[in-house]
Amino acid sequence: MPIRAVIFDVDGVLVDSEASWFQAAVEFIRKLGQTWTEHDHHLCMGFAPVEWARYMRERFRLSLSPQVIQAAVIDLMRKQYEKNVPVLPGALEAVHAAAGAYEVAVASGSPLELINHLARLTGLETVFKAIVSGSDVGRGKPAPDIYLEAARRLDVAPRECVGIEDSANGILSVKAAGMFSIAVPAPAYPLPEEVLRKADRVLPSLEDFSVGLVQSLCPERTA
């Protein structure tokens, strides 16, 4: 079967939002008199919103509900994006190139309202055929749920999809869904070698993305 769809993560793939998420979490937890660390951030990369909110609640023994925690952090993120959308080099070009040959979708642990906001700000809202957020599925990455749901909404078999990720949890999620994987790890967050070996291709940047690269993942299916 040919490859029919390319599914993009958002944070760390399309936008350099990890620093924004980290700063929002730091600010939120600091207001409560505690400290959010890089270690906390690494553990939560790729989590669904409810999962990172629960982590915060349990880690810092907060009396706030996960819903209140989510809303507060998301509000801080929206304020940052209103000032600047940190689009990564080659990201918009990669999405448009993929959309010229395949169905394209988003599978991101970010809250849906933030994904939609970013799509509007970047002009991609009419390009994506499906947007799946962490709140749409029961389990976040590294479970395969979010990628399987994206494939379902596109009406494409998982084995006909390529997932593009930057995090270890994301790559494991793509592979658990039975899809091809392209890793675009951020220099600030290097991936373990055992995770990189699971990826079908590793790129230094989406500036190196091309339709030909996607086709090379399974040439016998795309011939």
N, C-alpha and C. Protein backbone atom coordinates (compact mmCIF):
# COMPACT_ATOMS: atom_id res chain seq x y z
N MET A 1 0.83 -1.20 0.00
CA MET A 1 0.00 0.00 0.00
C MET A 1 0.87 1.25 0.00
N PRO A 2 0.45 2.29 -0.72
CA PRO A 2 1.23 3.54 -0.73
C PRO A 2 1.05 4.32 0.57
N ILE A 3 2.01 5.15 0.85
CA ILE A 3 1.84 6.10 1.96
C ILE A 3 0.83 7.14 1.52
N ARG A 4 -0.14 7.39 2.39
CA ARG A 4 -1.23 8.29 2.04
C ARG A 4 -1.36 9.49 2.96
N ALA A 5 -0.68 9.47 4.11
CA ALA A 5 -0.88 10.56 5.06
C ALA A 5 0.41 10.88 5.82
N VAL A 6 0.57 12.14 6.13
CA VAL A 6 1.67 12.61 6.98
C VAL A 6 1.04 13.32 8.17
N ILE A 7 1.42 12.88 9.36
CA ILE A 7 0.82 13.41 10.58
C ILE A 7 1.91 14.11 11.39
N PHE A 8 1.68 15.36 11.72
CA PHE A 8 2.67 16.19 12.40
C PHE A 8 2.34 16.36 13.88
N ASP A 9 3.36 16.23 14.70
CA ASP A 9 3.27 16.75 16.06
C ASP A 9 3.39 18.27 15.94
N VAL A 10 3.09 18.99 17.01
CA VAL A 10 3.17 20.45 16.98
C VAL A 10 4.36 20.97 17.79
N ASP A 11 4.34 20.70 19.08
CA ASP A 11 5.39 21.23 19.96
C ASP A 11 6.74 20.61 19.64
N GLY A 12 7.69 21.46 19.27
CA GLY A 12 9.03 20.97 18.96
C GLY A 12 9.20 20.50 17.54
N VAL A 13 8.09 20.42 16.79
CA VAL A 13 8.14 20.01 15.38
C VAL A 13 7.77 21.19 14.48
N LEU A 14 6.59 21.75 14.70
CA LEU A 14 6.16 22.91 13.91
C LEU A 14 6.50 24.23 14.60
N VAL A 15 6.39 24.23 15.90
CA VAL A 15 6.74 25.46 16.64
C VAL A 15 7.70 25.11 17.77
N ASP A 16 8.59 26.05 18.05
CA ASP A 16 9.56 25.88 19.12
C ASP A 16 8.91 26.28 20.44
N SER A 17 7.92 25.49 20.83
CA SER A 17 7.08 25.85 21.97
C SER A 17 7.54 25.24 23.29
N GLU A 18 8.54 24.36 23.24
CA GLU A 18 8.97 23.72 24.48
C GLU A 18 9.42 24.76 25.51
N ALA A 19 10.14 25.77 25.04
CA ALA A 19 10.58 26.82 25.96
C ALA A 19 9.39 27.59 26.51
N SER A 20 8.37 27.78 25.67
CA SER A 20 7.17 28.49 26.12
C SER A 20 6.40 27.67 27.15
N TRP A 21 6.27 26.36 26.89
CA TRP A 21 5.60 25.48 27.86
C TRP A 21 6.38 25.46 29.17
N PHE A 22 7.69 25.36 29.05
CA PHE A 22 8.52 25.33 30.25
C PHE A 22 8.33 26.61 31.06
N GLN A 23 8.37 27.76 30.38
CA GLN A 23 8.25 29.03 31.08
C GLN A 23 6.86 29.19 31.70
N ALA A 24 5.82 28.74 30.98
CA ALA A 24 4.46 28.83 31.52
C ALA A 24 4.33 27.97 32.78
N ALA A 25 4.90 26.77 32.74
CA ALA A 25 4.85 25.88 33.91
C ALA A 25 5.65 26.47 35.07
N VAL A 26 6.82 27.01 34.77
CA VAL A 26 7.66 27.64 35.80
C VAL A 26 6.90 28.77 36.47
N GLU A 27 6.27 29.61 35.65
CA GLU A 27 5.55 30.77 36.20
C GLU A 27 4.37 30.33 37.05
N PHE A 28 3.63 29.33 36.56
CA PHE A 28 2.46 28.85 37.30
C PHE A 28 2.86 28.25 38.65
N ILE A 29 3.87 27.39 38.63
CA ILE A 29 4.29 26.72 39.87
C ILE A 29 4.97 27.71 40.82
N ARG A 30 5.70 28.68 40.25
CA ARG A 30 6.37 29.67 41.09
C ARG A 30 5.36 30.48 41.89
N LYS A 31 4.21 30.79 41.28
CA LYS A 31 3.17 31.53 41.98
C LYS A 31 2.63 30.76 43.18
N LEU A 32 2.84 29.44 43.15
CA LEU A 32 2.39 28.59 44.26
C LEU A 32 3.52 28.31 45.23
N GLY A 33 4.66 28.98 45.02
CA GLY A 33 5.77 28.86 45.95
C GLY A 33 6.65 27.65 45.77
N GLN A 34 6.60 27.04 44.58
CA GLN A 34 7.42 25.85 44.33
C GLN A 34 8.19 26.00 43.03
N THR A 35 8.95 24.96 42.66
CA THR A 35 9.85 25.07 41.51
C THR A 35 9.62 23.96 40.49
N TRP A 36 9.37 24.35 39.26
CA TRP A 36 9.26 23.42 38.13
C TRP A 36 10.63 23.29 37.50
N THR A 37 11.11 22.05 37.31
CA THR A 37 12.47 21.83 36.84
C THR A 37 12.50 21.29 35.40
N GLU A 38 13.69 21.29 34.83
CA GLU A 38 13.89 20.68 33.50
C GLU A 38 13.52 19.20 33.54
N HIS A 39 13.80 18.55 34.65
CA HIS A 39 13.46 17.13 34.78
C HIS A 39 11.95 16.94 34.71
N ASP A 40 11.20 17.79 35.38
CA ASP A 40 9.73 17.72 35.30
C ASP A 40 9.28 17.90 33.85
N HIS A 41 9.88 18.86 33.18
CA HIS A 41 9.50 19.15 31.80
C HIS A 41 9.75 17.95 30.89
N HIS A 42 10.91 17.33 31.03
CA HIS A 42 11.23 16.16 30.21
C HIS A 42 10.23 15.03 30.44
N LEU A 43 9.86 14.80 31.67
CA LEU A 43 8.93 13.72 31.99
C LEU A 43 7.56 13.94 31.35
N CYS A 44 7.18 15.19 31.18
CA CYS A 44 5.85 15.50 30.67
C CYS A 44 5.78 15.73 29.17
N MET A 45 6.91 15.72 28.48
CA MET A 45 6.90 15.94 27.04
C MET A 45 6.06 14.88 26.34
N GLY A 46 5.07 15.34 25.54
CA GLY A 46 4.20 14.43 24.82
C GLY A 46 2.97 14.00 25.58
N PHE A 47 2.88 14.37 26.86
CA PHE A 47 1.71 14.00 27.66
C PHE A 47 0.46 14.71 27.15
N ALA A 48 -0.69 14.07 27.35
CA ALA A 48 -1.97 14.73 27.13
C ALA A 48 -2.17 15.79 28.21
N PRO A 49 -2.96 16.83 27.93
CA PRO A 49 -3.15 17.90 28.91
C PRO A 49 -3.57 17.40 30.29
N VAL A 50 -4.50 16.47 30.33
CA VAL A 50 -4.95 15.98 31.63
C VAL A 50 -3.84 15.25 32.37
N GLU A 51 -2.92 14.64 31.61
CA GLU A 51 -1.84 13.90 32.25
C GLU A 51 -0.80 14.84 32.87
N TRP A 52 -0.43 15.92 32.13
CA TRP A 52 0.55 16.81 32.75
C TRP A 52 -0.06 17.61 33.88
N ALA A 53 -1.38 17.87 33.79
CA ALA A 53 -2.06 18.56 34.90
C ALA A 53 -2.11 17.67 36.14
N ARG A 54 -2.36 16.39 35.93
CA ARG A 54 -2.35 15.45 37.06
C ARG A 54 -0.95 15.31 37.64
N TYR A 55 0.04 15.30 36.76
CA TYR A 55 1.41 15.22 37.24
C TYR A 55 1.73 16.40 38.14
N MET A 56 1.38 17.60 37.69
CA MET A 56 1.61 18.79 38.50
C MET A 56 0.90 18.69 39.85
N ARG A 57 -0.33 18.25 39.79
CA ARG A 57 -1.14 18.16 41.02
C ARG A 57 -0.50 17.21 42.02
N GLU A 58 -0.06 16.04 41.53
CA GLU A 58 0.51 15.03 42.42
C GLU A 58 1.94 15.41 42.84
N ARG A 59 2.72 15.90 41.88
CA ARG A 59 4.12 16.23 42.15
C ARG A 59 4.25 17.32 43.22
N PHE A 60 3.37 18.31 43.15
CA PHE A 60 3.47 19.44 44.07
C PHE A 60 2.37 19.45 45.14
N ARG A 61 1.59 18.35 45.17
CA ARG A 61 0.54 18.19 46.18
C ARG A 61 -0.40 19.39 46.19
N LEU A 62 -0.89 19.73 45.01
CA LEU A 62 -1.76 20.88 44.87
C LEU A 62 -3.20 20.51 45.21
N SER A 63 -3.92 21.46 45.75
CA SER A 63 -5.34 21.24 46.04
C SER A 63 -6.21 21.59 44.84
N LEU A 64 -5.61 22.22 43.84
CA LEU A 64 -6.34 22.61 42.63
C LEU A 64 -6.71 21.37 41.80
N SER A 65 -7.82 21.44 41.10
CA SER A 65 -8.21 20.34 40.23
C SER A 65 -7.38 20.36 38.96
N PRO A 66 -7.24 19.22 38.26
CA PRO A 66 -6.51 19.21 36.99
C PRO A 66 -7.09 20.20 35.98
N GLN A 67 -8.41 20.39 36.00
CA GLN A 67 -9.05 21.32 35.06
C GLN A 67 -8.59 22.77 35.32
N VAL A 68 -8.50 23.13 36.59
CA VAL A 68 -8.06 24.49 36.94
C VAL A 68 -6.59 24.68 36.56
N ILE A 69 -5.77 23.65 36.80
CA ILE A 69 -4.35 23.72 36.45
C ILE A 69 -4.19 23.88 34.94
N GLN A 70 -4.91 23.07 34.17
CA GLN A 70 -4.85 23.18 32.71
C GLN A 70 -5.20 24.59 32.24
N ALA A 71 -6.31 25.10 32.74
CA ALA A 71 -6.79 26.41 32.30
C ALA A 71 -5.76 27.50 32.59
N ALA A 72 -5.14 27.43 33.75
CA ALA A 72 -4.16 28.46 34.14
C ALA A 72 -2.93 28.42 33.25
N VAL A 73 -2.39 27.22 32.99
CA VAL A 73 -1.19 27.10 32.16
C VAL A 73 -1.50 27.46 30.71
N ILE A 74 -2.65 27.04 30.22
CA ILE A 74 -3.04 27.35 28.84
C ILE A 74 -3.18 28.86 28.65
N ASP A 75 -3.74 29.53 29.65
CA ASP A 75 -3.89 30.98 29.57
C ASP A 75 -2.53 31.66 29.46
N LEU A 76 -1.55 31.17 30.22
CA LEU A 76 -0.20 31.71 30.13
C LEU A 76 0.40 31.46 28.75
N MET A 77 0.13 30.28 28.17
CA MET A 77 0.62 29.97 26.84
C MET A 77 0.00 30.87 25.78
N ARG A 78 -1.30 31.09 25.86
CA ARG A 78 -1.98 31.95 24.89
C ARG A 78 -1.38 33.35 24.89
N LYS A 79 -1.08 33.86 26.09
CA LYS A 79 -0.50 35.20 26.20
C LYS A 79 0.87 35.26 25.52
N GLN A 80 1.64 34.16 25.64
CA GLN A 80 2.95 34.13 24.98
C GLN A 80 2.80 34.09 23.47
N TYR A 81 1.85 33.27 22.97
CA TYR A 81 1.65 33.16 21.53
C TYR A 81 1.11 34.45 20.92
N GLU A 82 0.35 35.22 21.71
CA GLU A 82 -0.16 36.49 21.20
C GLU A 82 0.99 37.45 20.92
N LYS A 83 2.08 37.29 21.63
CA LYS A 83 3.25 38.14 21.42
C LYS A 83 4.12 37.62 20.29
N ASN A 84 4.23 36.28 20.19
CA ASN A 84 5.13 35.71 19.18
C ASN A 84 4.81 34.23 18.98
N VAL A 85 4.72 33.82 17.71
CA VAL A 85 4.55 32.41 17.38
C VAL A 85 5.91 31.89 16.92
N PRO A 86 6.55 31.03 17.73
CA PRO A 86 7.92 30.59 17.40
C PRO A 86 7.95 29.45 16.38
N VAL A 87 7.57 29.77 15.14
CA VAL A 87 7.55 28.75 14.08
C VAL A 87 8.97 28.29 13.79
N LEU A 88 9.18 27.00 13.70
CA LEU A 88 10.52 26.45 13.45
C LEU A 88 10.88 26.54 11.96
N PRO A 89 12.18 26.64 11.65
CA PRO A 89 12.62 26.72 10.25
C PRO A 89 12.13 25.54 9.42
N GLY A 90 11.53 25.84 8.29
CA GLY A 90 11.07 24.81 7.37
C GLY A 90 9.73 24.20 7.72
N ALA A 91 9.15 24.57 8.85
CA ALA A 91 7.92 23.92 9.30
C ALA A 91 6.73 24.18 8.38
N LEU A 92 6.46 25.43 8.08
CA LEU A 92 5.32 25.75 7.22
C LEU A 92 5.51 25.17 5.82
N GLU A 93 6.73 25.27 5.33
CA GLU A 93 7.03 24.72 4.00
C GLU A 93 6.83 23.21 3.97
N ALA A 94 7.21 22.53 5.06
CA ALA A 94 7.05 21.07 5.13
C ALA A 94 5.58 20.67 5.11
N VAL A 95 4.76 21.39 5.86
CA VAL A 95 3.33 21.07 5.89
C VAL A 95 2.71 21.27 4.51
N HIS A 96 3.03 22.38 3.87
CA HIS A 96 2.46 22.65 2.55
C HIS A 96 2.96 21.64 1.51
N ALA A 97 4.24 21.27 1.61
CA ALA A 97 4.77 20.27 0.68
C ALA A 97 4.07 18.93 0.88
N ALA A 98 3.90 18.53 2.13
CA ALA A 98 3.22 17.26 2.42
C ALA A 98 1.77 17.30 1.95
N ALA A 99 1.11 18.45 2.15
CA ALA A 99 -0.30 18.57 1.76
C ALA A 99 -0.48 18.52 0.25
N GLY A 100 0.59 18.80 -0.50
CA GLY A 100 0.50 18.72 -1.94
C GLY A 100 0.49 17.30 -2.47
N ALA A 101 0.87 16.35 -1.62
CA ALA A 101 0.96 14.95 -2.07
C ALA A 101 0.17 13.98 -1.19
N TYR A 102 -0.11 14.37 0.05
CA TYR A 102 -0.74 13.46 1.00
C TYR A 102 -1.81 14.17 1.82
N GLU A 103 -2.60 13.39 2.53
CA GLU A 103 -3.45 13.95 3.56
C GLU A 103 -2.55 14.38 4.71
N VAL A 104 -2.84 15.51 5.33
CA VAL A 104 -2.02 15.94 6.46
C VAL A 104 -2.91 16.18 7.68
N ALA A 105 -2.34 15.87 8.84
CA ALA A 105 -3.09 16.00 10.08
C ALA A 105 -2.14 16.36 11.20
N VAL A 106 -2.72 16.68 12.35
CA VAL A 106 -1.97 16.97 13.57
C VAL A 106 -2.33 15.94 14.62
N ALA A 107 -1.31 15.46 15.34
CA ALA A 107 -1.51 14.60 16.50
C ALA A 107 -0.63 15.16 17.60
N SER A 108 -1.21 15.98 18.45
CA SER A 108 -0.43 16.71 19.45
C SER A 108 -1.05 16.62 20.82
N GLY A 109 -0.18 16.50 21.81
CA GLY A 109 -0.65 16.49 23.19
C GLY A 109 -1.10 17.84 23.68
N SER A 110 -0.88 18.90 22.89
CA SER A 110 -1.32 20.23 23.28
C SER A 110 -2.84 20.31 23.33
N PRO A 111 -3.37 21.22 24.15
CA PRO A 111 -4.82 21.42 24.19
C PRO A 111 -5.35 21.87 22.83
N LEU A 112 -6.54 21.42 22.49
CA LEU A 112 -7.11 21.72 21.18
C LEU A 112 -7.20 23.22 20.91
N GLU A 113 -7.57 24.00 21.91
CA GLU A 113 -7.72 25.43 21.69
C GLU A 113 -6.39 26.08 21.30
N LEU A 114 -5.29 25.57 21.86
CA LEU A 114 -3.98 26.12 21.50
C LEU A 114 -3.57 25.70 20.10
N ILE A 115 -3.85 24.44 19.75
CA ILE A 115 -3.53 23.97 18.40
C ILE A 115 -4.31 24.78 17.36
N ASN A 116 -5.60 24.97 17.60
CA ASN A 116 -6.42 25.74 16.67
C ASN A 116 -5.94 27.19 16.58
N HIS A 117 -5.53 27.73 17.72
CA HIS A 117 -5.03 29.10 17.74
C HIS A 117 -3.76 29.22 16.90
N LEU A 118 -2.86 28.26 17.06
CA LEU A 118 -1.63 28.25 16.27
C LEU A 118 -1.93 28.07 14.78
N ALA A 119 -2.88 27.19 14.48
CA ALA A 119 -3.25 26.96 13.08
C ALA A 119 -3.77 28.24 12.44
N ARG A 120 -4.57 28.99 13.18
CA ARG A 120 -5.07 30.26 12.66
C ARG A 120 -3.94 31.28 12.47
N LEU A 121 -3.06 31.36 13.47
CA LEU A 121 -1.98 32.34 13.42
C LEU A 121 -0.99 32.04 12.29
N THR A 122 -0.84 30.77 11.94
CA THR A 122 0.13 30.38 10.91
C THR A 122 -0.52 30.16 9.54
N GLY A 123 -1.84 30.28 9.47
CA GLY A 123 -2.53 30.08 8.20
C GLY A 123 -2.69 28.63 7.80
N LEU A 124 -2.55 27.71 8.75
CA LEU A 124 -2.63 26.27 8.42
C LEU A 124 -4.01 25.68 8.73
N GLU A 125 -4.95 26.49 9.19
CA GLU A 125 -6.22 25.94 9.62
C GLU A 125 -6.99 25.27 8.48
N THR A 126 -6.77 25.70 7.25
CA THR A 126 -7.47 25.08 6.12
C THR A 126 -6.63 23.98 5.45
N VAL A 127 -5.41 23.79 5.93
CA VAL A 127 -4.52 22.79 5.33
C VAL A 127 -4.68 21.43 5.99
N PHE A 128 -4.77 21.41 7.32
CA PHE A 128 -4.91 20.15 8.04
C PHE A 128 -6.30 19.56 7.84
N LYS A 129 -6.33 18.28 7.50
CA LYS A 129 -7.61 17.58 7.31
C LYS A 129 -8.17 17.05 8.62
N ALA A 130 -7.31 16.95 9.64
CA ALA A 130 -7.76 16.50 10.96
C ALA A 130 -6.79 17.04 11.99
N ILE A 131 -7.33 17.42 13.14
CA ILE A 131 -6.51 17.86 14.27
C ILE A 131 -6.95 17.06 15.49
N VAL A 132 -6.02 16.28 16.04
CA VAL A 132 -6.31 15.46 17.22
C VAL A 132 -5.43 15.97 18.36
N SER A 133 -6.07 16.28 19.47
CA SER A 133 -5.34 16.76 20.64
C SER A 133 -5.33 15.69 21.72
N GLY A 134 -4.52 15.93 22.74
CA GLY A 134 -4.43 14.97 23.83
C GLY A 134 -5.74 14.76 24.54
N SER A 135 -6.62 15.78 24.55
CA SER A 135 -7.90 15.64 25.23
C SER A 135 -8.89 14.79 24.45
N ASP A 136 -8.55 14.43 23.20
CA ASP A 136 -9.45 13.62 22.38
C ASP A 136 -9.28 12.12 22.60
N VAL A 137 -8.25 11.73 23.33
CA VAL A 137 -7.96 10.30 23.52
C VAL A 137 -7.76 9.99 24.99
N GLY A 138 -7.86 8.72 25.31
CA GLY A 138 -7.76 8.31 26.71
C GLY A 138 -6.35 8.35 27.24
N ARG A 139 -5.38 8.01 26.39
CA ARG A 139 -3.98 7.96 26.83
C ARG A 139 -3.12 8.82 25.93
N GLY A 140 -2.19 9.52 26.55
CA GLY A 140 -1.26 10.34 25.78
C GLY A 140 -0.07 9.53 25.30
N LYS A 141 0.81 10.17 24.56
CA LYS A 141 2.04 9.53 24.12
C LYS A 141 2.86 9.11 25.34
N PRO A 142 3.49 7.96 25.34
CA PRO A 142 3.88 7.10 24.22
C PRO A 142 2.83 6.07 23.77
N ALA A 143 1.63 6.09 24.37
CA ALA A 143 0.58 5.19 23.88
C ALA A 143 0.23 5.60 22.44
N PRO A 144 -0.26 4.67 21.62
CA PRO A 144 -0.52 4.97 20.21
C PRO A 144 -1.84 5.66 19.94
N ASP A 145 -2.65 5.88 20.96
CA ASP A 145 -4.03 6.33 20.79
C ASP A 145 -4.18 7.55 19.87
N ILE A 146 -3.37 8.56 20.09
CA ILE A 146 -3.55 9.82 19.37
C ILE A 146 -3.26 9.67 17.88
N TYR A 147 -2.27 8.85 17.54
CA TYR A 147 -1.96 8.62 16.12
C TYR A 147 -3.00 7.70 15.47
N LEU A 148 -3.48 6.74 16.21
CA LEU A 148 -4.52 5.87 15.67
C LEU A 148 -5.80 6.67 15.41
N GLU A 149 -6.11 7.60 16.29
CA GLU A 149 -7.29 8.44 16.10
C GLU A 149 -7.13 9.36 14.89
N ALA A 150 -5.93 9.89 14.70
CA ALA A 150 -5.68 10.74 13.53
C ALA A 150 -5.87 9.94 12.24
N ALA A 151 -5.33 8.73 12.21
CA ALA A 151 -5.50 7.87 11.03
C ALA A 151 -6.98 7.55 10.80
N ARG A 152 -7.70 7.30 11.89
CA ARG A 152 -9.14 6.99 11.76
C ARG A 152 -9.89 8.17 11.16
N ARG A 153 -9.58 9.37 11.62
CA ARG A 153 -10.28 10.55 11.10
C ARG A 153 -9.95 10.82 9.65
N LEU A 154 -8.74 10.45 9.23
CA LEU A 154 -8.35 10.61 7.83
C LEU A 154 -8.86 9.47 6.97
N ASP A 155 -9.38 8.41 7.62
CA ASP A 155 -9.81 7.20 6.94
C ASP A 155 -8.65 6.56 6.17
N VAL A 156 -7.51 6.50 6.86
CA VAL A 156 -6.28 5.92 6.29
C VAL A 156 -5.76 4.86 7.26
N ALA A 157 -5.27 3.75 6.73
CA ALA A 157 -4.71 2.71 7.59
C ALA A 157 -3.42 3.21 8.24
N PRO A 158 -3.17 2.85 9.50
CA PRO A 158 -1.94 3.29 10.16
C PRO A 158 -0.67 2.98 9.38
N ARG A 159 -0.62 1.82 8.73
CA ARG A 159 0.59 1.44 7.99
C ARG A 159 0.81 2.30 6.75
N GLU A 160 -0.19 3.14 6.42
CA GLU A 160 -0.07 4.06 5.29
C GLU A 160 0.27 5.48 5.74
N CYS A 161 0.64 5.61 7.02
CA CYS A 161 0.90 6.94 7.59
C CYS A 161 2.35 7.11 8.02
N VAL A 162 2.78 8.36 8.01
CA VAL A 162 4.08 8.75 8.54
C VAL A 162 3.84 9.76 9.66
N GLY A 163 4.44 9.53 10.80
CA GLY A 163 4.34 10.47 11.91
C GLY A 163 5.66 11.21 12.10
N ILE A 164 5.59 12.51 12.30
CA ILE A 164 6.79 13.32 12.47
C ILE A 164 6.84 13.84 13.90
N GLU A 165 7.91 13.50 14.60
CA GLU A 165 8.01 13.77 16.04
C GLU A 165 9.40 14.26 16.43
N ASP A 166 9.46 14.92 17.58
CA ASP A 166 10.74 15.36 18.12
C ASP A 166 11.09 14.68 19.44
N SER A 167 10.09 14.16 20.15
CA SER A 167 10.32 13.61 21.49
C SER A 167 10.37 12.09 21.50
N ALA A 168 10.96 11.55 22.54
CA ALA A 168 11.01 10.09 22.70
C ALA A 168 9.61 9.52 22.82
N ASN A 169 8.77 10.13 23.66
CA ASN A 169 7.40 9.65 23.81
C ASN A 169 6.65 9.69 22.49
N GLY A 170 6.90 10.74 21.70
CA GLY A 170 6.23 10.86 20.42
C GLY A 170 6.63 9.78 19.44
N ILE A 171 7.93 9.53 19.33
CA ILE A 171 8.42 8.49 18.42
C ILE A 171 7.89 7.13 18.83
N LEU A 172 7.89 6.85 20.11
CA LEU A 172 7.36 5.57 20.59
C LEU A 172 5.88 5.46 20.29
N SER A 173 5.16 6.56 20.36
CA SER A 173 3.73 6.56 20.04
C SER A 173 3.49 6.23 18.57
N VAL A 174 4.28 6.87 17.68
CA VAL A 174 4.15 6.61 16.25
C VAL A 174 4.41 5.14 15.93
N LYS A 175 5.49 4.60 16.48
CA LYS A 175 5.85 3.22 16.19
C LYS A 175 4.83 2.24 16.79
N ALA A 176 4.31 2.57 17.98
CA ALA A 176 3.30 1.70 18.60
C ALA A 176 2.02 1.67 17.77
N ALA A 177 1.78 2.76 17.00
CA ALA A 177 0.60 2.81 16.13
C ALA A 177 0.82 2.06 14.82
N GLY A 178 2.04 1.59 14.60
CA GLY A 178 2.33 0.85 13.38
C GLY A 178 2.62 1.73 12.18
N MET A 179 3.09 2.94 12.43
CA MET A 179 3.36 3.89 11.36
C MET A 179 4.85 4.06 11.13
N PHE A 180 5.19 4.66 9.99
CA PHE A 180 6.57 5.08 9.75
C PHE A 180 6.84 6.32 10.60
N SER A 181 8.10 6.49 10.99
CA SER A 181 8.45 7.59 11.87
C SER A 181 9.60 8.41 11.32
N ILE A 182 9.42 9.73 11.33
CA ILE A 182 10.50 10.67 11.04
C ILE A 182 10.77 11.44 12.32
N ALA A 183 11.99 11.37 12.79
CA ALA A 183 12.38 12.08 14.00
C ALA A 183 13.08 13.38 13.64
N VAL A 184 12.67 14.45 14.31
CA VAL A 184 13.33 15.75 14.15
C VAL A 184 13.67 16.25 15.55
N PRO A 185 14.66 15.65 16.19
CA PRO A 185 14.95 16.00 17.59
C PRO A 185 15.51 17.40 17.74
N ALA A 186 15.08 18.07 18.79
CA ALA A 186 15.60 19.41 19.08
C ALA A 186 16.97 19.30 19.72
N PRO A 187 17.93 20.12 19.32
CA PRO A 187 19.28 20.06 19.92
C PRO A 187 19.26 20.20 21.44
N ALA A 188 18.30 20.97 21.94
CA ALA A 188 18.22 21.18 23.39
C ALA A 188 17.69 19.97 24.14
N TYR A 189 17.04 19.07 23.40
CA TYR A 189 16.46 17.88 24.02
C TYR A 189 16.88 16.63 23.24
N PRO A 190 18.16 16.26 23.31
CA PRO A 190 18.65 15.09 22.55
C PRO A 190 17.95 13.81 22.97
N LEU A 191 17.75 12.94 22.01
CA LEU A 191 17.04 11.70 22.25
C LEU A 191 18.01 10.56 22.54
N PRO A 192 17.59 9.60 23.36
CA PRO A 192 18.42 8.42 23.61
C PRO A 192 18.65 7.64 22.31
N GLU A 193 19.80 7.05 22.17
CA GLU A 193 20.13 6.30 20.96
C GLU A 193 19.14 5.18 20.69
N GLU A 194 18.67 4.52 21.76
CA GLU A 194 17.74 3.41 21.55
C GLU A 194 16.42 3.89 20.97
N VAL A 195 16.05 5.14 21.22
CA VAL A 195 14.83 5.71 20.64
C VAL A 195 15.09 6.13 19.20
N LEU A 196 16.22 6.77 18.94
CA LEU A 196 16.56 7.19 17.58
C LEU A 196 16.61 6.01 16.63
N ARG A 197 17.06 4.87 17.14
CA ARG A 197 17.15 3.68 16.28
C ARG A 197 15.78 3.19 15.85
N LYS A 198 14.74 3.56 16.59
CA LYS A 198 13.38 3.15 16.22
C LYS A 198 12.82 4.00 15.09
N ALA A 199 13.36 5.19 14.91
CA ALA A 199 12.87 6.08 13.85
C ALA A 199 13.32 5.57 12.49
N ASP A 200 12.47 5.74 11.48
CA ASP A 200 12.82 5.31 10.12
C ASP A 200 13.75 6.32 9.44
N ARG A 201 13.63 7.59 9.81
CA ARG A 201 14.53 8.63 9.33
C ARG A 201 14.74 9.64 10.46
N VAL A 202 15.93 10.23 10.50
CA VAL A 202 16.23 11.28 11.48
C VAL A 202 16.69 12.51 10.71
N LEU A 203 16.03 13.66 10.94
CA LEU A 203 16.37 14.90 10.27
C LEU A 203 16.88 15.93 11.27
N PRO A 204 17.84 16.76 10.88
CA PRO A 204 18.28 17.83 11.77
C PRO A 204 17.27 18.96 11.84
N SER A 205 16.41 19.08 10.81
CA SER A 205 15.44 20.16 10.74
C SER A 205 14.39 19.82 9.68
N LEU A 206 13.20 20.41 9.79
CA LEU A 206 12.20 20.22 8.75
C LEU A 206 12.58 20.92 7.45
N GLU A 207 13.65 21.71 7.48
CA GLU A 207 14.17 22.27 6.24
C GLU A 207 14.66 21.16 5.32
N ASP A 208 14.91 19.97 5.89
CA ASP A 208 15.38 18.83 5.10
C ASP A 208 14.23 17.91 4.69
N PHE A 209 13.00 18.28 5.00
CA PHE A 209 11.84 17.47 4.64
C PHE A 209 11.53 17.62 3.16
N SER A 210 11.08 16.51 2.56
CA SER A 210 10.63 16.55 1.17
C SER A 210 9.67 15.40 0.92
N VAL A 211 8.88 15.53 -0.12
CA VAL A 211 7.99 14.44 -0.50
C VAL A 211 8.81 13.22 -0.89
N GLY A 212 9.95 13.44 -1.54
CA GLY A 212 10.81 12.34 -1.90
C GLY A 212 11.29 11.55 -0.69
N LEU A 213 11.57 12.26 0.39
CA LEU A 213 11.98 11.60 1.62
C LEU A 213 10.87 10.68 2.13
N VAL A 214 9.64 11.16 2.11
CA VAL A 214 8.50 10.33 2.54
C VAL A 214 8.38 9.11 1.66
N GLN A 215 8.51 9.30 0.36
CA GLN A 215 8.39 8.18 -0.57
C GLN A 215 9.50 7.15 -0.35
N SER A 216 10.67 7.61 0.07
CA SER A 216 11.79 6.70 0.26
C SER A 216 11.61 5.77 1.46
N LEU A 217 10.66 6.10 2.33
CA LEU A 217 10.42 5.25 3.49
C LEU A 217 9.89 3.87 3.09
N CYS A 218 9.15 3.86 2.01
CA CYS A 218 8.59 2.59 1.55
C CYS A 218 8.42 2.63 0.03
N PRO A 219 9.54 2.59 -0.70
CA PRO A 219 9.48 2.77 -2.16
C PRO A 219 8.63 1.74 -2.87
N GLU A 220 8.59 0.51 -2.33
CA GLU A 220 7.79 -0.52 -3.01
C GLU A 220 6.31 -0.24 -2.89
N ARG A 221 5.93 0.57 -1.90
CA ARG A 221 4.52 0.90 -1.76
C ARG A 221 4.14 2.14 -2.54
N THR A 222 5.10 2.97 -2.85
CA THR A 222 4.79 4.22 -3.52
C THR A 222 5.13 4.20 -5.01
N ALA A 223 5.68 3.05 -5.46
CA ALA A 223 6.04 2.95 -6.86
C ALA A 223 4.80 2.94 -7.75
